[in-house]
Amino acid sequence: MRRALVAGLVLSLMATATGSRAAELFRRDETRLEISGSLRELANIGRQTDADDFVEAGDASCLFQASFADCPSFKTVGDKDAWQSLTRLRTRAELQIVDGLRAVVVYDHELLAGVLDTFEAGLGEGFREDDLFDLDWTIADGKRAEWRHLFYRGFVQLEAGGLDLTVGRQRIAWGVGRLWNPIDRFNAIPPLAVQSDQTQGIDSIDARWSFDGFNFLEAVYAPGDSRDEARYALRAHGVVWDTDLSLMGGVFEKAPTVGMDLARNVGDAALRVEVVYTRPRHKVWKIESSRRKRLADFVQLVASIDYTFDVWDGVYVLVEHLYNGNDLGFGSGRAGNLLPLFEATNDRPPGVPAGVSGPFVKPGSTRLFGTSQVVTAAENQTGAMLGTDITPELRIDFLSIYDWNGESAAFFPSLRYSPGGRIEATLGLQTFVGPRRSQYGDAETFAYLLIDFFF
């Protein structure tokens, strides 16, 4: 473990010592190879739950569906001060093979340190989406540190005439919402994400045929790691009466889905709308249910408007509302909002005698979300954002989100400093208010510092 920490430090020093960005290593005729990269340090402090404390506080009631909501383990949630650090060395290589054909690989080394063995981290692992290829590996791990490497992106892209074909691990971003994108079933980013530029990516084939101007047809196929996890969809985009309009339809993990989005200017403001309808086919056994059931059909809707006021160097204002017909609800008992993240099962947990009957409890999976990547406990939420440049190098943003069902709120101020092209630093805070059983009432305040060096 000590050698892993030393190696991570050496990698960091190498990155800071590297010269200018996007260095060209090779060129011959149309063929060229460029290398660039970045070093990210993300440190945060808040309150989390010690995994050992959570297990030790439990008793027999924590095994069974009927009594799980009042499991004593939930009294330990958010009980410990916790700090964490992520150091990421990212290297990006782009090979231009011939005009219109390129290959891109983005390779990461990550060193995590701090309080890693938390209940929240363990529960979150169960909701990671499985891709076709497993491209991340742990080199060394310990109680307080872990070193891993992974291929963050790796794809080949062909541009020929009106065809743009990309094959490999990539980001596919659909939708027009600024905070929520329910129409995006590939790589949606939640509004309170600290690393808003970081997505898992998806192993897929993305083919886009451009007709003229902004009109195109796009087809995506992402096989997942099994037939049940496959996603495939079509999207048609065009401009109608000065409005950018997209229509989509597809099947995501066996759930037929249709949707549309539009964006247009209203005076000097920008109006955006997304609406999507999903008909899940698979069954899940929710904690509050007596048996496995197919999830109900649901609609999700986002509407937003933003405007930049001509004050100082410009003040950006955004208001966006989300209606989520697939909200998880606020749970019950000691578990509260965590309860909908678990499922019931007849499979006996390890160590339970054969004569003991269930239903029992297990950590949930992404099937609980009905293939949607917009996951909320509340049905209706409204977000508002203000942002302005204090100086050319210093920008302040403030995001607040209000949960209309549980009457709770999240507040997210951040200050970003960009003195030049090679360094950027962001200091942020997330704090929450509201009753315990609400969207944000159970969340813990935390602060973070994010620093990027580019080379």
Protein backbone atom coordinates (compact mmCIF):
# COMPACT_ATOMS: atom_id res chain seq x y z
CA MET A 1 0.00 0.00 0.00
CA ARG A 2 2.86 2.37 0.79
CA ARG A 3 4.36 1.72 -2.65
CA ALA A 4 1.00 2.54 -4.23
CA LEU A 5 0.84 5.87 -2.43
CA VAL A 6 4.37 6.74 -3.46
CA ALA A 7 3.63 5.79 -7.07
CA GLY A 8 0.53 8.00 -7.06
CA LEU A 9 2.57 10.92 -5.76
CA VAL A 10 5.20 10.39 -8.46
CA LEU A 11 2.48 10.40 -11.12
CA SER A 12 1.15 13.67 -9.74
CA LEU A 13 4.58 15.31 -9.81
CA MET A 14 5.13 14.12 -13.37
CA ALA A 15 1.86 15.73 -14.42
CA THR A 16 2.63 19.11 -12.88
CA ALA A 17 6.05 19.10 -14.51
CA THR A 18 4.71 18.40 -17.99
CA GLY A 19 4.83 21.18 -20.59
CA SER A 20 2.18 22.73 -22.81
CA ARG A 21 -1.21 21.19 -23.55
CA ALA A 22 -1.95 18.88 -26.51
CA ALA A 23 1.62 18.06 -27.43
CA GLU A 24 2.01 16.69 -30.95
CA LEU A 25 4.18 13.57 -30.80
CA PHE A 26 3.98 12.48 -34.41
CA ARG A 27 2.89 13.84 -37.81
CA ARG A 28 3.14 12.43 -41.31
CA ASP A 29 0.87 13.66 -44.09
CA GLU A 30 -2.69 13.41 -42.66
CA THR A 31 -1.62 11.20 -39.75
CA ARG A 32 -0.79 12.77 -36.40
CA LEU A 33 -0.74 11.80 -32.72
CA GLU A 34 -1.48 14.31 -29.94
CA ILE A 35 -1.21 13.80 -26.18
CA SER A 36 -2.81 15.98 -23.51
CA GLY A 37 -3.96 15.46 -19.96
CA SER A 38 -4.90 16.83 -16.59
CA LEU A 39 -4.34 16.31 -12.91
CA ARG A 40 -7.37 16.71 -10.65
CA GLU A 41 -7.42 16.97 -6.89
CA LEU A 42 -10.83 16.80 -5.21
CA ALA A 43 -11.00 17.02 -1.42
CA ASN A 44 -14.24 17.08 0.56
CA ILE A 45 -15.31 16.97 4.17
CA GLY A 46 -18.73 16.17 5.61
CA ARG A 47 -20.55 13.50 7.55
CA GLN A 48 -21.06 9.91 6.42
CA THR A 49 -21.75 6.49 7.89
CA ASP A 50 -19.10 4.03 9.02
CA ALA A 51 -19.87 0.69 7.35
CA ASP A 52 -18.78 -1.35 10.39
CA ASP A 53 -20.91 0.77 12.74
CA PHE A 54 -23.91 0.29 10.46
CA VAL A 55 -23.55 -3.50 10.51
CA GLU A 56 -22.83 -3.76 14.24
CA ALA A 57 -25.86 -1.64 15.18
CA GLY A 58 -28.23 -4.03 13.41
CA ASP A 59 -30.25 -6.90 14.79
CA ALA A 60 -32.55 -9.60 13.40
CA SER A 61 -35.16 -7.02 12.35
CA CYS A 62 -32.75 -5.75 9.70
CA LEU A 63 -33.06 -9.00 7.72
CA PHE A 64 -36.80 -8.97 7.14
CA GLN A 65 -38.95 -6.87 4.85
CA ALA A 66 -41.68 -6.28 7.45
CA SER A 67 -39.36 -4.74 10.05
CA PHE A 68 -36.53 -3.35 7.92
CA ALA A 69 -37.81 0.27 7.96
CA ASP A 70 -37.06 0.44 11.71
CA CYS A 71 -33.70 -1.36 11.59
CA PRO A 72 -31.49 0.13 14.36
CA SER A 73 -28.61 0.45 11.90
CA PHE A 74 -30.20 3.53 10.40
CA LYS A 75 -29.58 5.41 13.66
CA THR A 76 -25.89 5.50 12.68
CA VAL A 77 -26.44 7.20 9.31
CA GLY A 78 -24.44 10.43 9.00
CA ASP A 79 -22.95 9.85 12.43
CA LYS A 80 -19.25 10.30 11.62
CA ASP A 81 -17.12 13.16 10.33
CA ALA A 82 -15.50 11.99 7.11
CA TRP A 83 -12.96 13.40 4.72
CA GLN A 84 -12.04 12.04 1.33
CA SER A 85 -9.53 12.90 -1.36
CA LEU A 86 -9.44 11.93 -5.01
CA THR A 87 -6.30 12.48 -7.09
CA ARG A 88 -6.82 11.70 -10.76
CA LEU A 89 -4.14 11.71 -13.45
CA ARG A 90 -5.84 11.71 -16.85
CA THR A 91 -4.03 11.20 -20.14
CA ARG A 92 -5.78 11.75 -23.46
CA ALA A 93 -4.34 10.42 -26.71
CA GLU A 94 -5.87 11.31 -30.08
CA LEU A 95 -4.66 9.63 -33.25
CA GLN A 96 -5.76 11.26 -36.49
CA ILE A 97 -5.37 8.35 -38.92
CA VAL A 98 -6.58 10.05 -42.09
CA ASP A 99 -8.88 12.97 -42.71
CA GLY A 100 -12.24 12.02 -41.16
CA LEU A 101 -10.98 9.02 -39.17
CA ARG A 102 -9.61 9.29 -35.63
CA ALA A 103 -9.18 7.21 -32.49
CA VAL A 104 -9.35 8.60 -28.95
CA VAL A 105 -8.27 6.97 -25.69
CA VAL A 106 -8.62 8.60 -22.25
CA TYR A 107 -6.77 6.69 -19.53
CA ASP A 108 -7.02 7.46 -15.80
CA HIS A 109 -5.04 6.67 -12.68
CA GLU A 110 -6.98 7.45 -9.50
CA LEU A 111 -5.75 7.56 -5.93
CA LEU A 112 -8.49 7.71 -3.28
CA ALA A 113 -7.63 8.43 0.33
CA GLY A 114 -9.51 9.14 3.53
CA VAL A 115 -12.59 7.47 5.00
CA LEU A 116 -13.47 5.01 2.24
CA ASP A 117 -15.31 2.18 3.99
CA THR A 118 -18.66 3.91 4.31
CA PHE A 119 -22.21 2.62 4.09
CA GLU A 120 -22.98 5.23 1.41
CA ALA A 121 -20.13 4.01 -0.82
CA GLY A 122 -21.21 0.40 -0.48
CA LEU A 123 -24.83 1.17 -1.31
CA GLY A 124 -23.79 3.30 -4.29
CA GLU A 125 -21.80 0.45 -5.81
CA GLY A 126 -25.03 -1.49 -6.23
CA PHE A 127 -26.40 1.19 -8.52
CA ARG A 128 -23.45 1.30 -10.90
CA GLU A 129 -24.53 0.42 -14.41
CA ASP A 130 -22.84 -2.56 -16.02
CA ASP A 131 -21.23 -1.98 -19.41
CA LEU A 132 -20.19 -4.38 -22.12
CA PHE A 133 -16.54 -4.23 -21.07
CA ASP A 134 -15.05 -4.05 -17.58
CA LEU A 135 -12.33 -1.45 -18.07
CA ASP A 136 -11.37 -0.48 -14.53
CA TRP A 137 -9.03 -2.36 -12.21
CA THR A 138 -7.80 -1.90 -8.65
CA ILE A 139 -4.02 -1.95 -8.36
CA ALA A 140 -3.82 -1.75 -4.57
CA ASP A 141 -6.24 -1.00 -1.77
CA GLY A 142 -6.27 -0.59 1.97
CA LYS A 143 -8.48 0.73 4.73
CA ARG A 144 -7.62 4.37 4.04
CA ALA A 145 -6.40 4.40 0.43
CA GLU A 146 -7.05 2.81 -2.93
CA TRP A 147 -5.21 3.03 -6.25
CA ARG A 148 -7.02 2.08 -9.43
CA HIS A 149 -6.78 2.67 -13.16
CA LEU A 150 -9.40 2.67 -15.89
CA PHE A 151 -10.17 3.56 -19.48
CA TYR A 152 -12.53 6.52 -19.12
CA ARG A 153 -13.05 6.83 -22.88
CA GLY A 154 -11.95 4.77 -25.86
CA PHE A 155 -13.58 5.13 -29.26
CA VAL A 156 -13.05 5.32 -33.01
CA GLN A 157 -14.85 8.03 -34.97
CA LEU A 158 -15.49 8.14 -38.71
CA GLU A 159 -16.78 11.22 -40.51
CA ALA A 160 -17.68 10.62 -44.16
CA GLY A 161 -20.02 12.89 -46.04
CA GLY A 162 -23.13 13.25 -43.89
CA LEU A 163 -22.30 10.26 -41.68
CA ASP A 164 -20.70 10.58 -38.24
CA LEU A 165 -20.09 7.11 -36.76
CA THR A 166 -18.57 6.61 -33.28
CA VAL A 167 -17.87 3.16 -31.83
CA GLY A 168 -16.58 2.50 -28.31
CA ARG A 169 -16.82 3.96 -24.81
CA GLN A 170 -18.19 7.46 -25.21
CA ARG A 171 -20.58 10.00 -23.80
CA ILE A 172 -23.96 10.36 -25.51
CA ALA A 173 -25.70 13.49 -24.23
CA TRP A 174 -29.38 13.91 -25.07
CA GLY A 175 -31.81 16.55 -23.86
CA VAL A 176 -31.86 20.31 -23.44
CA GLY A 177 -32.46 20.78 -19.68
CA ARG A 178 -29.77 22.56 -17.70
CA LEU A 179 -30.32 20.77 -14.36
CA TRP A 180 -32.22 17.60 -15.27
CA ASN A 181 -32.30 15.54 -18.47
CA PRO A 182 -34.97 12.80 -18.16
CA ILE A 183 -34.74 12.14 -21.90
CA ASP A 184 -31.07 11.17 -21.51
CA ARG A 185 -31.00 7.43 -20.79
CA PHE A 186 -27.25 7.10 -21.40
CA ASN A 187 -25.19 9.64 -19.44
CA ALA A 188 -27.41 12.04 -17.49
CA ILE A 189 -25.68 14.16 -14.81
CA PRO A 190 -27.55 15.09 -11.58
CA PRO A 191 -27.76 18.81 -10.74
CA LEU A 192 -25.82 18.53 -7.46
CA ALA A 193 -22.90 16.61 -8.97
CA VAL A 194 -19.61 18.09 -7.77
CA GLN A 195 -17.80 16.74 -10.84
CA SER A 196 -20.33 17.94 -13.38
CA ASP A 197 -17.93 17.15 -16.23
CA GLN A 198 -17.52 13.51 -15.17
CA THR A 199 -19.75 10.73 -16.51
CA GLN A 200 -19.32 6.98 -16.62
CA GLY A 201 -19.66 6.83 -20.41
CA ILE A 202 -21.26 3.92 -22.23
CA ASP A 203 -19.97 1.21 -24.58
CA SER A 204 -22.04 1.86 -27.66
CA ILE A 205 -22.40 2.55 -31.37
CA ASP A 206 -23.59 6.05 -32.23
CA ALA A 207 -24.44 6.80 -35.89
CA ARG A 208 -25.59 10.24 -36.99
CA TRP A 209 -26.73 11.15 -40.50
CA SER A 210 -26.81 14.90 -41.18
CA PHE A 211 -29.12 16.03 -43.97
CA ASP A 212 -28.73 19.80 -44.12
CA GLY A 213 -28.04 22.54 -41.60
CA PHE A 214 -29.14 21.32 -38.16
CA ASN A 215 -31.32 18.44 -39.38
CA PHE A 216 -30.10 14.95 -38.59
CA LEU A 217 -31.14 11.42 -37.67
CA GLU A 218 -29.25 9.59 -34.90
CA ALA A 219 -29.26 5.89 -33.97
CA VAL A 220 -27.63 4.49 -30.82
CA TYR A 221 -27.09 0.89 -29.74
CA ALA A 222 -25.59 0.04 -26.35
CA PRO A 223 -25.53 -3.73 -25.72
CA GLY A 224 -24.84 -3.61 -21.96
CA ASP A 225 -23.50 -6.80 -20.38
CA SER A 226 -26.61 -8.86 -21.17
CA ARG A 227 -29.61 -8.90 -23.47
CA ASP A 228 -31.83 -7.54 -20.70
CA GLU A 229 -29.55 -4.51 -20.29
CA ALA A 230 -29.44 -3.50 -23.97
CA ARG A 231 -30.48 0.01 -25.02
CA TYR A 232 -31.29 1.13 -28.54
CA ALA A 233 -32.97 4.30 -29.73
CA LEU A 234 -33.53 6.69 -32.64
CA ARG A 235 -33.55 10.47 -32.45
CA ALA A 236 -34.62 12.89 -35.17
CA HIS A 237 -33.57 16.53 -34.82
CA GLY A 238 -34.56 19.54 -36.88
CA VAL A 239 -35.46 23.22 -36.82
CA VAL A 240 -39.16 24.06 -37.11
CA TRP A 241 -40.38 27.67 -36.89
CA ASP A 242 -37.10 28.81 -35.32
CA THR A 243 -37.39 26.04 -32.72
CA ASP A 244 -34.82 23.28 -32.22
CA LEU A 245 -36.96 20.14 -31.96
CA SER A 246 -35.99 16.53 -31.26
CA LEU A 247 -38.16 13.42 -31.23
CA MET A 248 -36.86 10.16 -29.81
CA GLY A 249 -38.05 6.61 -29.37
CA GLY A 250 -36.31 3.50 -28.16
CA VAL A 251 -36.12 0.55 -25.83
CA PHE A 252 -33.99 0.86 -22.70
CA GLU A 253 -33.50 -2.33 -20.70
CA LYS A 254 -36.73 -3.71 -22.26
CA ALA A 255 -38.66 -0.51 -21.44
CA PRO A 256 -40.22 1.20 -24.50
CA THR A 257 -39.70 4.96 -24.26
CA VAL A 258 -40.73 7.95 -26.35
CA GLY A 259 -39.94 11.61 -25.82
CA MET A 260 -39.35 15.03 -27.27
CA ASP A 261 -37.42 18.16 -26.44
CA LEU A 262 -37.44 21.68 -27.79
CA ALA A 263 -35.42 24.84 -27.35
CA ARG A 264 -36.10 28.30 -28.72
CA ASN A 265 -35.49 31.94 -28.00
CA VAL A 266 -38.27 34.02 -26.47
CA GLY A 267 -36.98 37.53 -26.92
CA ASP A 268 -33.51 37.46 -25.36
CA ALA A 269 -34.36 34.52 -23.10
CA ALA A 270 -34.05 30.80 -23.91
CA LEU A 271 -36.96 28.41 -23.33
CA ARG A 272 -36.38 24.65 -23.06
CA VAL A 273 -38.78 21.73 -22.60
CA GLU A 274 -38.24 17.98 -22.26
CA VAL A 275 -40.96 15.36 -21.88
CA VAL A 276 -40.57 11.59 -21.90
CA TYR A 277 -42.96 8.65 -21.43
CA THR A 278 -41.69 5.24 -20.27
CA ARG A 279 -43.41 1.86 -20.06
CA PRO A 280 -41.21 -0.44 -17.91
CA ARG A 281 -41.47 -4.16 -18.64
CA HIS A 282 -39.45 -5.68 -15.83
CA LYS A 283 -40.73 -6.41 -12.33
CA VAL A 284 -39.28 -5.27 -9.03
CA TRP A 285 -40.16 -6.11 -5.45
CA LYS A 286 -40.29 -2.84 -3.61
CA ILE A 287 -39.96 -2.83 0.16
CA GLU A 288 -43.50 -1.55 0.72
CA SER A 289 -45.03 -4.08 -1.70
CA SER A 290 -46.35 -7.58 -0.95
CA ARG A 291 -44.90 -9.09 -4.15
CA ARG A 292 -42.90 -8.42 -7.28
CA LYS A 293 -44.74 -6.06 -9.62
CA ARG A 294 -44.15 -4.37 -12.91
CA LEU A 295 -43.34 -0.70 -12.44
CA ALA A 296 -46.15 1.61 -13.49
CA ASP A 297 -45.86 3.68 -16.66
CA PHE A 298 -44.55 7.16 -15.94
CA VAL A 299 -44.04 10.60 -17.44
CA GLN A 300 -41.17 12.99 -16.71
CA LEU A 301 -41.21 16.65 -17.69
CA VAL A 302 -38.67 19.47 -17.52
CA ALA A 303 -39.35 23.11 -18.40
CA SER A 304 -36.84 25.91 -18.02
CA ILE A 305 -36.07 29.46 -18.99
CA ASP A 306 -32.78 31.31 -18.68
CA TYR A 307 -31.66 34.86 -19.33
CA THR A 308 -28.50 36.91 -18.96
CA PHE A 309 -29.14 40.36 -17.51
CA ASP A 310 -26.94 43.19 -18.70
CA VAL A 311 -25.60 44.01 -15.24
CA TRP A 312 -21.88 44.18 -14.43
CA ASP A 313 -20.32 41.64 -16.79
CA GLY A 314 -23.66 39.87 -17.10
CA VAL A 315 -25.77 38.02 -14.54
CA TYR A 316 -27.01 34.61 -15.67
CA VAL A 317 -30.40 33.51 -14.26
CA LEU A 318 -31.99 30.08 -14.74
CA VAL A 319 -35.29 28.71 -13.45
CA GLU A 320 -36.12 25.06 -14.17
CA HIS A 321 -38.90 22.77 -12.97
CA LEU A 322 -38.90 18.96 -12.88
CA TYR A 323 -41.95 16.75 -12.70
CA ASN A 324 -40.88 13.15 -12.04
CA GLY A 325 -43.73 10.67 -12.33
CA ASN A 326 -41.34 7.94 -11.19
CA ASP A 327 -40.37 9.50 -7.86
CA LEU A 328 -39.22 7.05 -5.19
CA GLY A 329 -41.09 8.64 -2.28
CA PHE A 330 -39.82 9.55 1.16
CA GLY A 331 -39.80 6.10 2.77
CA SER A 332 -40.78 5.44 6.37
CA GLY A 333 -39.42 4.56 9.80
CA ARG A 334 -35.80 5.10 10.74
CA ALA A 335 -34.72 4.33 7.19
CA GLY A 336 -36.55 7.33 5.75
CA ASN A 337 -35.39 8.21 2.22
CA LEU A 338 -33.01 5.25 2.14
CA LEU A 339 -35.83 2.71 2.31
CA PRO A 340 -36.81 2.91 -1.41
CA LEU A 341 -33.20 2.04 -2.32
CA PHE A 342 -33.67 -1.53 -1.05
CA GLU A 343 -35.67 -4.45 -2.45
CA ALA A 344 -37.43 -7.49 -1.00
CA THR A 345 -36.42 -11.02 -1.91
CA ASN A 346 -37.15 -14.64 -0.98
CA ASP A 347 -33.46 -15.51 -1.17
CA ARG A 348 -32.08 -16.09 2.31
CA PRO A 349 -29.11 -13.94 3.32
CA PRO A 350 -25.87 -15.77 4.28
CA GLY A 351 -26.01 -17.23 7.77
CA VAL A 352 -29.80 -17.41 8.00
CA PRO A 353 -30.99 -20.95 8.88
CA ALA A 354 -32.92 -22.89 6.22
CA GLY A 355 -36.07 -22.99 8.36
CA VAL A 356 -36.40 -19.20 8.51
CA SER A 357 -38.70 -17.78 5.85
CA GLY A 358 -38.73 -14.31 4.33
CA PRO A 359 -39.33 -12.06 2.58
CA PHE A 360 -35.86 -10.72 3.26
CA VAL A 361 -34.12 -7.51 2.21
CA LYS A 362 -31.30 -6.82 -0.23
CA PRO A 363 -29.71 -3.64 -1.63
CA GLY A 364 -31.59 -2.38 -4.65
CA SER A 365 -30.53 -2.11 -8.27
CA THR A 366 -31.08 0.36 -11.11
CA ARG A 367 -34.26 -1.55 -12.02
CA LEU A 368 -35.99 0.41 -9.24
CA PHE A 369 -35.60 3.54 -11.38
CA GLY A 370 -37.47 2.21 -14.41
CA THR A 371 -34.45 2.82 -16.71
CA SER A 372 -34.49 6.55 -15.91
CA GLN A 373 -31.26 8.26 -14.85
CA VAL A 374 -33.17 11.09 -13.17
CA VAL A 375 -33.72 9.72 -9.67
CA THR A 376 -35.61 11.75 -7.06
CA ALA A 377 -37.59 11.14 -3.89
CA ALA A 378 -39.91 14.09 -4.64
CA GLU A 379 -42.36 14.33 -7.52
CA ASN A 380 -41.94 18.09 -8.09
CA GLN A 381 -38.81 20.19 -7.74
CA THR A 382 -37.80 23.65 -8.91
CA GLY A 383 -34.23 24.78 -9.36
CA ALA A 384 -32.93 28.36 -9.63
CA MET A 385 -29.40 29.40 -10.52
CA LEU A 386 -27.57 32.72 -10.46
CA GLY A 387 -24.08 33.22 -11.84
CA THR A 388 -21.77 36.08 -12.67
CA ASP A 389 -18.11 36.85 -13.33
CA ILE A 390 -16.71 38.96 -10.51
CA THR A 391 -13.48 39.40 -12.49
CA PRO A 392 -12.31 37.73 -15.73
CA GLU A 393 -10.65 35.07 -13.53
CA LEU A 394 -13.23 34.73 -10.75
CA ARG A 395 -16.81 33.45 -11.14
CA ILE A 396 -19.49 32.82 -8.54
CA ASP A 397 -22.53 30.57 -9.01
CA PHE A 398 -25.41 29.83 -6.67
CA LEU A 399 -27.86 26.96 -7.22
CA SER A 400 -30.90 26.28 -5.05
CA ILE A 401 -33.43 23.47 -5.50
CA TYR A 402 -36.79 23.35 -3.74
CA ASP A 403 -38.72 20.13 -3.13
CA TRP A 404 -42.43 21.01 -3.28
CA ASN A 405 -43.66 17.69 -1.87
CA GLY A 406 -41.46 17.47 1.22
CA GLU A 407 -40.84 21.24 1.58
CA SER A 408 -37.07 20.90 1.72
CA ALA A 409 -34.30 22.70 -0.14
CA ALA A 410 -30.70 22.36 -1.26
CA PHE A 411 -28.26 25.29 -1.49
CA PHE A 412 -25.13 25.02 -3.61
CA PRO A 413 -22.82 28.06 -3.82
CA SER A 414 -19.50 27.72 -5.64
CA LEU A 415 -16.58 29.99 -6.45
CA ARG A 416 -14.36 29.21 -9.45
CA TYR A 417 -10.93 30.74 -10.04
CA SER A 418 -9.30 30.42 -13.48
CA PRO A 419 -6.10 32.50 -13.58
CA GLY A 420 -4.87 30.96 -16.84
CA GLY A 421 -5.29 28.13 -19.28
CA ARG A 422 -3.50 25.52 -17.17
CA ILE A 423 -5.14 25.75 -13.75
CA GLU A 424 -8.65 26.04 -12.40
CA ALA A 425 -9.84 25.86 -8.80
CA THR A 426 -13.41 25.60 -7.43
CA LEU A 427 -14.49 25.95 -3.81
CA GLY A 428 -18.01 24.78 -3.07
CA LEU A 429 -20.50 24.06 -0.31
CA GLN A 430 -23.70 22.05 -0.29
CA THR A 431 -26.12 22.49 2.57
CA PHE A 432 -29.70 21.35 3.08
CA VAL A 433 -32.81 22.23 5.09
CA GLY A 434 -36.16 20.56 5.58
CA PRO A 435 -38.02 17.89 7.54
CA ARG A 436 -36.47 14.45 7.87
CA ARG A 437 -38.70 12.70 5.35
CA SER A 438 -38.18 14.97 2.37
CA GLN A 439 -35.91 15.17 -0.67
CA TYR A 440 -33.12 17.04 1.13
CA GLY A 441 -34.00 16.93 4.83
CA ASP A 442 -31.81 13.86 5.47
CA ALA A 443 -28.80 15.07 3.46
CA GLU A 444 -25.61 16.14 5.22
CA THR A 445 -23.78 19.42 4.64
CA PHE A 446 -20.34 19.10 3.07
CA ALA A 447 -17.66 21.33 1.57
CA TYR A 448 -15.18 20.59 -1.19
CA LEU A 449 -12.18 21.96 -3.04
CA LEU A 450 -11.55 20.92 -6.65
CA ILE A 451 -8.31 21.85 -8.44
CA ASP A 452 -7.45 21.01 -12.06
CA PHE A 453 -4.04 21.27 -13.72
CA PHE A 454 -4.07 20.90 -17.51
CA PHE A 455 -1.11 19.86 -19.60
